[in-house]
Amino acid sequence: MSDAHAASDGLNLTVHVWRQASREAAGAFETYALHGISTDMSFLEMLDVLNEQLTREGRTPVAFDHDCREGICGSCGMVINGQVHGPERETATCQLHMRRFNDGDTLFIEPFRAKAFPIVKDLVVDRGAFDRIVAAGGFVSVNTGSAPDANALPVPKDDAELAMDAAQCIGCGACVAACPNAAAMLFVGAKVSHLALLPQGKVERRGRVLAMVEQMDKEGFGSCGNIYECEAACPKAISVTNIARLNREYLGASLAGG
């Protein structure tokens, strides 16, 4: 088939999708054939087409997480041919388009693999561990009274930009899934950095980092091995320098006694 003919008729794909009925059930890949997939579709729209096909056949659709489909909510995480979020750098799965693939391709689609992210069903994992880490200290609780003027607290430009870079983290869990040790250091580093760099967050910085790291360890995440796969997989390009800042914050808080 010529490239022009393939483009006009859409992509013909073989997809191997991880199917697992529940956390306790055994899982396995199931194979499906898809025909005429438009290159203008997003990856999740391709899965929608698959689910419509399965529904017509009287079979159970594939369960997968999604919400905004705009790369903001962080819920669409999955592993595509061994790459977290797929082959496009700095792109969430929902923003990955089928034009990135070729006619006749074979795709393996599976959930994030991490002890702290147990599988709920098929491609859906429970990322509640991230919520519990944030609940442990990823907030500002100091009573500041009425809202101050925007320019009342001067923030150095460099600090403001670094804080905003860290704040881009959408909590998708790609860093954990890409890390050979399933570490959550990039996620926690981003959340700690965001607040530690701003005046509003400095009052509670010691207690915050100690509580969040303690909760991270309780959740069963692994240790950072400085492999940097987390940064490579992050759809928002969160820098590993946030891990270094997390380590400095934690050491300073530990030496100061919390």
Protein backbone atom coordinates (compact mmCIF):
# COMPACT_ATOMS: atom_id res chain seq x y z
CA MET A 1 0.00 0.00 0.00
CA SER A 2 1.38 3.40 -0.94
CA ASP A 3 1.83 6.13 1.68
CA ALA A 4 -0.78 8.29 -0.05
CA HIS A 5 -3.32 5.45 -0.09
CA ALA A 6 -2.60 4.61 3.57
CA ALA A 7 -3.07 8.26 4.54
CA SER A 8 -6.42 8.50 2.71
CA ASP A 9 -7.80 5.25 4.14
CA GLY A 10 -6.37 5.70 7.64
CA LEU A 11 -4.07 3.50 9.66
CA ASN A 12 -4.43 -0.24 10.10
CA LEU A 13 -3.05 -1.19 13.50
CA THR A 14 -2.57 -4.22 15.72
CA VAL A 15 -2.95 -3.25 19.37
CA HIS A 16 -2.06 -5.40 22.35
CA VAL A 17 -3.87 -3.99 25.40
CA TRP A 18 -3.35 -5.04 29.01
CA ARG A 19 -6.65 -6.37 30.39
CA GLN A 20 -7.11 -6.95 34.11
CA ALA A 21 -10.56 -7.18 35.65
CA SER A 22 -9.53 -6.06 39.15
CA ARG A 23 -6.58 -5.50 41.44
CA GLU A 24 -6.65 -9.12 42.57
CA ALA A 25 -7.25 -10.68 39.15
CA ALA A 26 -4.53 -11.96 36.87
CA GLY A 27 -3.89 -9.78 33.85
CA ALA A 28 -2.79 -10.43 30.29
CA PHE A 29 -2.49 -8.72 26.93
CA GLU A 30 -5.40 -9.05 24.51
CA THR A 31 -4.92 -8.38 20.81
CA TYR A 32 -7.24 -6.32 18.61
CA ALA A 33 -7.16 -5.20 14.99
CA LEU A 34 -8.12 -1.64 14.11
CA HIS A 35 -8.75 -0.34 10.60
CA GLY A 36 -9.06 3.12 9.15
CA ILE A 37 -7.77 5.05 12.13
CA SER A 38 -7.48 8.73 11.19
CA THR A 39 -4.08 10.31 11.67
CA ASP A 40 -5.90 13.36 13.04
CA MET A 41 -7.16 11.37 16.04
CA SER A 42 -5.56 11.61 19.44
CA PHE A 43 -4.36 8.40 21.05
CA LEU A 44 -7.35 8.43 23.41
CA GLU A 45 -9.73 8.88 20.47
CA MET A 46 -8.19 5.76 18.97
CA LEU A 47 -9.01 3.94 22.21
CA ASP A 48 -12.54 5.33 21.98
CA VAL A 49 -12.84 3.74 18.53
CA LEU A 50 -11.55 0.45 19.96
CA ASN A 51 -14.12 0.58 22.74
CA GLU A 52 -16.93 1.29 20.29
CA GLN A 53 -15.80 -1.74 18.32
CA LEU A 54 -15.72 -3.91 21.44
CA THR A 55 -19.16 -2.67 22.50
CA ARG A 56 -20.63 -3.59 19.10
CA GLU A 57 -19.12 -7.06 19.50
CA GLY A 58 -20.71 -7.44 22.93
CA ARG A 59 -17.34 -7.39 24.69
CA THR A 60 -16.17 -5.33 27.68
CA PRO A 61 -14.58 -1.98 26.72
CA VAL A 62 -11.06 -1.15 27.87
CA ALA A 63 -10.99 0.91 31.07
CA PHE A 64 -8.63 3.89 30.93
CA ASP A 65 -8.36 7.19 32.82
CA HIS A 66 -9.10 10.50 31.11
CA ASP A 67 -10.71 13.82 31.91
CA CYS A 68 -9.68 17.13 30.32
CA ARG A 69 -7.90 15.64 27.29
CA GLU A 70 -5.89 18.85 27.12
CA GLY A 71 -2.72 17.81 28.95
CA ILE A 72 -3.75 19.49 32.19
CA CYS A 73 -5.43 16.98 34.52
CA GLY A 74 -2.70 14.31 34.43
CA SER A 75 -5.11 11.38 34.48
CA CYS A 76 -4.37 9.83 31.06
CA GLY A 77 -1.12 8.05 31.89
CA MET A 78 -0.26 4.77 30.22
CA VAL A 79 2.79 3.05 28.75
CA ILE A 80 2.90 2.76 24.95
CA ASN A 81 5.48 0.42 23.41
CA GLY A 82 7.54 0.69 26.57
CA GLN A 83 7.50 4.48 26.71
CA VAL A 84 5.53 6.37 29.34
CA HIS A 85 2.94 8.59 27.58
CA GLY A 86 4.25 7.34 24.23
CA PRO A 87 7.04 8.39 21.85
CA GLU A 88 6.43 12.15 21.81
CA ARG A 89 8.57 14.14 24.29
CA GLU A 90 6.88 16.54 26.71
CA THR A 91 3.45 15.25 25.70
CA ALA A 92 0.68 13.67 27.75
CA THR A 93 -1.07 10.64 26.26
CA CYS A 94 -4.16 12.70 25.44
CA GLN A 95 -2.03 15.08 23.35
CA LEU A 96 -0.33 12.27 21.42
CA HIS A 97 -1.77 12.04 17.90
CA MET A 98 -1.98 9.01 15.66
CA ARG A 99 0.04 10.77 12.95
CA ARG A 100 3.02 9.84 15.13
CA PHE A 101 2.46 6.21 14.08
CA ASN A 102 2.62 4.36 10.75
CA ASP A 103 0.24 2.13 8.88
CA GLY A 104 0.75 -1.48 9.97
CA ASP A 105 2.28 -0.61 13.34
CA THR A 106 1.90 -2.87 16.36
CA LEU A 107 1.21 -1.12 19.67
CA PHE A 108 1.58 -2.50 23.17
CA ILE A 109 -0.48 -0.51 25.69
CA GLU A 110 -0.20 -1.16 29.41
CA PRO A 111 -0.73 0.62 32.74
CA PHE A 112 1.89 2.28 34.91
CA ARG A 113 3.84 -0.35 36.85
CA ALA A 114 4.64 0.63 40.45
CA LYS A 115 3.94 -0.85 43.86
CA ALA A 116 2.52 2.49 45.02
CA PHE A 117 0.19 2.65 41.96
CA PRO A 118 -1.88 -0.57 42.22
CA ILE A 119 -3.92 -1.48 39.16
CA VAL A 120 -7.66 -0.85 39.52
CA LYS A 121 -8.74 -2.23 36.14
CA ASP A 122 -7.08 -2.59 32.74
CA LEU A 123 -5.12 0.65 32.18
CA VAL A 124 -6.43 2.39 35.32
CA VAL A 125 -4.15 2.67 38.35
CA ASP A 126 -4.78 4.13 41.80
CA ARG A 127 -2.61 7.24 42.19
CA GLY A 128 -4.09 8.14 45.56
CA ALA A 129 -0.57 7.98 47.00
CA PHE A 130 0.15 11.34 45.36
CA ASP A 131 -2.95 12.85 46.96
CA ARG A 132 -1.87 11.63 50.39
CA ILE A 133 1.63 13.09 49.93
CA VAL A 134 0.16 16.50 49.08
CA ALA A 135 -2.29 16.24 51.98
CA ALA A 136 0.67 15.63 54.31
CA GLY A 137 2.13 19.08 53.65
CA GLY A 138 1.84 20.34 50.11
CA PHE A 139 -0.09 23.47 51.02
CA VAL A 140 0.16 26.82 52.84
CA SER A 141 -1.89 26.99 56.04
CA VAL A 142 -0.47 30.16 57.58
CA ASN A 143 -3.25 32.64 58.42
CA THR A 144 -2.45 35.71 56.32
CA GLY A 145 -5.64 37.67 56.86
CA SER A 146 -7.26 39.36 53.88
CA ALA A 147 -5.80 38.90 50.42
CA PRO A 148 -2.76 41.18 49.92
CA ASP A 149 -2.14 43.24 46.82
CA ALA A 150 -0.39 41.36 44.04
CA ASN A 151 2.83 43.34 44.46
CA ALA A 152 2.81 43.45 48.28
CA LEU A 153 5.33 40.59 48.56
CA PRO A 154 8.29 41.14 46.25
CA VAL A 155 9.52 37.88 44.68
CA PRO A 156 12.84 37.75 42.79
CA LYS A 157 12.27 37.03 39.11
CA ASP A 158 14.46 33.93 39.11
CA ASP A 159 12.63 32.46 42.11
CA ALA A 160 9.24 33.24 40.58
CA GLU A 161 10.16 31.52 37.32
CA LEU A 162 11.56 28.44 39.07
CA ALA A 163 8.45 28.22 41.27
CA MET A 164 6.18 28.42 38.23
CA ASP A 165 8.24 25.78 36.41
CA ALA A 166 7.77 23.42 39.37
CA ALA A 167 4.09 24.30 39.67
CA GLN A 168 3.49 22.94 36.16
CA CYS A 169 3.58 19.39 37.56
CA ILE A 170 0.20 17.77 36.82
CA GLY A 171 0.71 14.74 39.07
CA CYS A 172 0.34 12.24 36.24
CA GLY A 173 2.84 9.77 37.73
CA ALA A 174 4.97 9.45 34.59
CA CYS A 175 8.09 10.05 36.67
CA VAL A 176 7.26 7.06 38.86
CA ALA A 177 6.39 4.80 35.93
CA ALA A 178 9.60 5.69 34.06
CA CYS A 179 11.92 5.29 37.05
CA PRO A 180 13.48 1.81 37.41
CA ASN A 181 13.03 2.19 41.18
CA ALA A 182 9.51 3.66 40.94
CA ALA A 183 10.68 6.73 42.84
CA ALA A 184 8.44 9.74 43.38
CA MET A 185 11.25 12.21 44.01
CA LEU A 186 10.51 14.39 40.97
CA PHE A 187 6.85 14.76 41.94
CA VAL A 188 7.64 15.54 45.58
CA GLY A 189 10.55 17.76 44.56
CA ALA A 190 8.28 19.81 42.32
CA LYS A 191 5.64 20.24 45.03
CA VAL A 192 8.21 21.17 47.69
CA SER A 193 10.11 23.51 45.35
CA HIS A 194 7.00 25.35 44.24
CA LEU A 195 6.20 26.45 47.79
CA ALA A 196 9.73 26.71 49.20
CA LEU A 197 10.70 29.28 46.57
CA LEU A 198 7.82 31.64 47.37
CA PRO A 199 7.53 33.87 50.46
CA GLN A 200 4.11 32.42 51.37
CA GLY A 201 5.59 28.94 51.66
CA LYS A 202 8.75 29.64 53.57
CA VAL A 203 7.16 29.75 57.04
CA GLU A 204 6.20 26.07 56.93
CA ARG A 205 9.01 24.82 54.71
CA ARG A 206 10.71 22.61 57.33
CA GLY A 207 7.64 20.80 58.57
CA ARG A 208 6.33 20.50 55.03
CA VAL A 209 9.31 18.70 53.54
CA LEU A 210 9.67 16.35 56.50
CA ALA A 211 5.99 15.39 56.41
CA MET A 212 5.86 14.92 52.64
CA VAL A 213 9.01 12.80 52.49
CA GLU A 214 7.77 10.70 55.42
CA GLN A 215 4.48 10.09 53.61
CA MET A 216 6.31 9.31 50.36
CA ASP A 217 8.29 6.60 52.15
CA LYS A 218 5.12 5.18 53.74
CA GLU A 219 3.52 4.82 50.32
CA GLY A 220 6.23 2.43 49.16
CA PHE A 221 7.95 4.47 46.47
CA GLY A 222 11.55 3.55 45.66
CA SER A 223 14.72 5.59 46.03
CA CYS A 224 16.11 7.97 43.43
CA GLY A 225 18.98 6.48 41.42
CA ASN A 226 19.87 9.68 39.51
CA ILE A 227 19.05 8.04 36.18
CA TYR A 228 16.92 11.01 35.04
CA GLU A 229 14.30 8.88 33.30
CA CYS A 230 11.75 10.87 35.31
CA GLU A 231 12.65 14.14 33.61
CA ALA A 232 12.74 12.49 30.18
CA ALA A 233 9.21 11.09 30.63
CA CYS A 234 7.64 14.17 32.25
CA PRO A 235 5.05 15.77 29.93
CA LYS A 236 5.80 19.16 31.51
CA ALA A 237 9.60 18.82 31.41
CA ILE A 238 9.98 19.23 35.18
CA SER A 239 13.72 19.47 35.85
CA VAL A 240 15.61 17.07 38.12
CA THR A 241 17.09 20.17 39.77
CA ASN A 242 13.91 20.04 41.85
CA ILE A 243 15.11 16.74 43.30
CA ALA A 244 18.35 18.42 44.36
CA ARG A 245 16.33 21.22 45.97
CA LEU A 246 14.16 18.63 47.75
CA ASN A 247 17.29 16.99 49.16
CA ARG A 248 18.63 20.34 50.38
CA GLU A 249 15.31 21.25 51.96
CA TYR A 250 15.08 17.87 53.68
CA LEU A 251 18.66 18.00 55.00
CA GLY A 252 18.20 21.53 56.30
CA ALA A 253 14.92 20.65 58.00
CA SER A 254 16.43 17.49 59.55
CA LEU A 255 19.44 19.34 60.95
CA ALA A 256 17.21 22.10 62.30
CA GLY A 257 15.00 19.57 64.04
CA GLY A 258 11.85 20.19 61.94
